[in-house]
């Protein structure tokens, strides 16, 4: 029976509705962290600095519908572009599905509970600082390793 198979297991990214696509986001907030890229090696380093528009308690964007206007560096994942973003965390549903891997049990689509990502301690909830509060010259001091 096809309806019993979850949409993310039976549809390609480009076949998903906008709501289905958006629901793949687990709400961890990792994509809203400032990332630094080594110009020589291409290595990407996560910091504990979150976009100034991310709510540190909910890990949600406070200006989601207008995020690109307010934050020009905000990257919007699309079905066409998602596989090219090597910086996505290893726990990201977009990355997992692009790599033909299953969603983890704590993912809200699997658990049925949007809070499961926080209880599993996969989110950045209450572990960030606003990047607007830190001088850009000091961002390297905020590199973290717990996100991966």
Protein backbone atom coordinates (compact mmCIF):
# COMPACT_ATOMS: atom_id res chain seq x y z
CA UNK A 1 0.00 0.00 0.00
CA UNK A 2 1.71 3.20 -1.20
CA UNK A 3 0.08 5.55 1.35
CA UNK A 4 1.73 3.62 4.21
CA UNK A 5 5.18 4.51 2.89
CA UNK A 6 6.21 7.97 4.17
CA UNK A 7 6.58 10.62 1.47
CA UNK A 8 10.31 11.06 2.13
CA UNK A 9 10.86 7.37 1.34
CA UNK A 10 8.81 7.31 -1.86
CA UNK A 11 9.36 10.75 -3.41
CA UNK A 12 12.41 12.44 -4.87
CA UNK A 13 13.09 15.95 -3.63
CA UNK A 14 11.72 17.47 -6.82
CA UNK A 15 8.45 15.55 -6.40
CA UNK A 16 7.73 16.90 -2.93
CA UNK A 17 5.23 19.64 -2.25
CA UNK A 18 6.52 22.81 -0.61
CA UNK A 19 5.02 21.69 2.72
CA UNK A 20 6.65 18.27 2.46
CA UNK A 21 9.99 19.85 1.58
CA UNK A 22 9.79 22.27 4.49
CA UNK A 23 8.80 19.48 6.91
CA UNK A 24 12.10 17.72 6.27
CA UNK A 25 13.74 20.38 8.42
CA UNK A 26 14.07 18.94 11.91
CA UNK A 27 14.35 22.36 13.56
CA UNK A 28 17.84 21.79 14.97
CA UNK A 29 19.05 25.30 14.05
CA UNK A 30 22.49 24.14 12.89
CA UNK A 31 22.07 25.69 9.46
CA UNK A 32 21.65 29.08 11.16
CA UNK A 33 25.07 28.88 12.78
CA UNK A 34 27.85 31.00 11.34
CA UNK A 35 30.29 28.80 9.48
CA UNK A 36 33.86 29.65 8.58
CA UNK A 37 35.57 28.15 5.55
CA UNK A 38 39.31 27.69 5.27
CA UNK A 39 40.21 29.33 1.95
CA UNK A 40 43.13 26.95 1.39
CA UNK A 41 41.54 23.60 2.27
CA UNK A 42 37.82 24.26 1.84
CA UNK A 43 37.21 22.83 5.32
CA UNK A 44 34.11 24.24 7.00
CA UNK A 45 34.09 25.05 10.71
CA UNK A 46 30.92 25.63 12.69
CA UNK A 47 30.77 28.28 15.37
CA UNK A 48 28.37 28.74 18.26
CA UNK A 49 27.35 32.03 16.65
CA UNK A 50 23.78 32.00 15.39
CA UNK A 51 22.15 34.35 12.96
CA UNK A 52 20.73 37.31 14.83
CA UNK A 53 17.26 36.27 13.69
CA UNK A 54 17.36 32.77 15.18
CA UNK A 55 15.45 32.31 18.42
CA UNK A 56 17.89 30.48 20.70
CA UNK A 57 15.13 28.68 22.60
CA UNK A 58 13.06 27.41 19.68
CA UNK A 59 15.85 27.25 17.04
CA UNK A 60 13.40 28.90 14.64
CA UNK A 61 13.94 31.90 12.41
CA UNK A 62 12.01 34.90 13.68
CA UNK A 63 11.80 36.43 10.20
CA UNK A 64 11.48 33.26 8.11
CA UNK A 65 9.26 34.62 5.33
CA UNK A 66 11.55 37.62 4.81
CA UNK A 67 14.87 36.09 5.87
CA UNK A 68 16.71 36.73 2.63
CA UNK A 69 15.73 40.39 2.59
CA UNK A 70 16.89 40.85 6.19
CA UNK A 71 19.90 38.52 5.98
CA UNK A 72 21.34 38.45 2.45
CA UNK A 73 23.79 35.66 3.37
CA UNK A 74 20.94 33.32 4.32
CA UNK A 75 21.05 30.31 2.04
CA UNK A 76 17.77 28.75 0.97
CA UNK A 77 17.95 25.03 0.31
CA UNK A 78 16.12 23.89 -2.78
CA UNK A 79 15.64 20.41 -4.25
CA UNK A 80 18.03 21.38 -7.03
CA UNK A 81 20.78 22.71 -4.78
CA UNK A 82 20.70 20.66 -1.59
CA UNK A 83 23.25 18.05 -2.66
CA UNK A 84 25.85 20.75 -3.34
CA UNK A 85 25.88 22.01 0.24
CA UNK A 86 28.72 19.96 1.74
CA UNK A 87 28.49 22.01 4.92
CA UNK A 88 25.13 20.60 5.97
CA UNK A 89 25.50 18.75 9.27
CA UNK A 90 25.59 14.97 9.16
CA UNK A 91 22.26 14.87 11.03
CA UNK A 92 20.42 17.06 8.50
CA UNK A 93 17.46 15.30 6.85
CA UNK A 94 18.20 16.97 3.52
CA UNK A 95 21.74 15.60 3.58
CA UNK A 96 20.70 12.18 4.90
CA UNK A 97 18.07 11.70 2.21
CA UNK A 98 20.39 13.00 -0.52
CA UNK A 99 22.85 10.31 0.62
CA UNK A 100 20.09 7.65 0.64
CA UNK A 101 20.22 7.32 4.43
CA UNK A 102 17.19 6.97 6.72
CA UNK A 103 15.88 9.65 9.04
CA UNK A 104 16.82 9.06 12.69
CA UNK A 105 14.22 8.11 15.30
CA UNK A 106 14.36 11.57 16.89
CA UNK A 107 13.41 13.35 13.64
CA UNK A 108 9.96 14.97 14.08
CA UNK A 109 8.61 13.25 10.96
CA UNK A 110 9.50 9.87 12.50
CA UNK A 111 8.72 10.62 16.16
CA UNK A 112 5.62 12.72 15.46
CA UNK A 113 6.90 15.27 17.99
CA UNK A 114 8.66 18.53 17.05
CA UNK A 115 10.35 18.59 20.47
CA UNK A 116 12.11 15.26 19.95
CA UNK A 117 15.07 16.94 18.23
CA UNK A 118 15.69 18.99 21.38
CA UNK A 119 15.24 16.08 23.79
CA UNK A 120 17.72 14.06 21.73
CA UNK A 121 20.13 16.99 22.21
CA UNK A 122 20.70 17.25 18.48
CA UNK A 123 19.63 20.88 18.29
CA UNK A 124 21.60 23.99 19.18
CA UNK A 125 18.89 25.06 21.65
CA UNK A 126 20.35 27.39 24.30
CA UNK A 127 23.94 26.81 23.10
CA UNK A 128 24.40 29.83 20.85
CA UNK A 129 25.37 33.48 20.89
CA UNK A 130 24.04 36.01 18.40
CA UNK A 131 26.63 36.70 15.71
CA UNK A 132 25.57 40.36 15.89
CA UNK A 133 26.96 40.49 19.44
CA UNK A 134 30.48 39.38 18.47
CA UNK A 135 32.99 41.31 16.39
CA UNK A 136 33.75 39.46 13.15
CA UNK A 137 37.47 39.49 13.99
CA UNK A 138 36.65 37.28 17.00
CA UNK A 139 34.51 34.68 15.22
CA UNK A 140 37.35 32.12 15.06
CA UNK A 141 37.32 32.04 18.86
CA UNK A 142 33.79 30.61 18.63
CA UNK A 143 34.61 27.51 16.56
CA UNK A 144 32.92 24.44 18.03
CA UNK A 145 33.10 20.70 17.48
CA UNK A 146 29.92 19.52 19.18
CA UNK A 147 27.68 20.22 16.18
CA UNK A 148 28.98 17.27 14.19
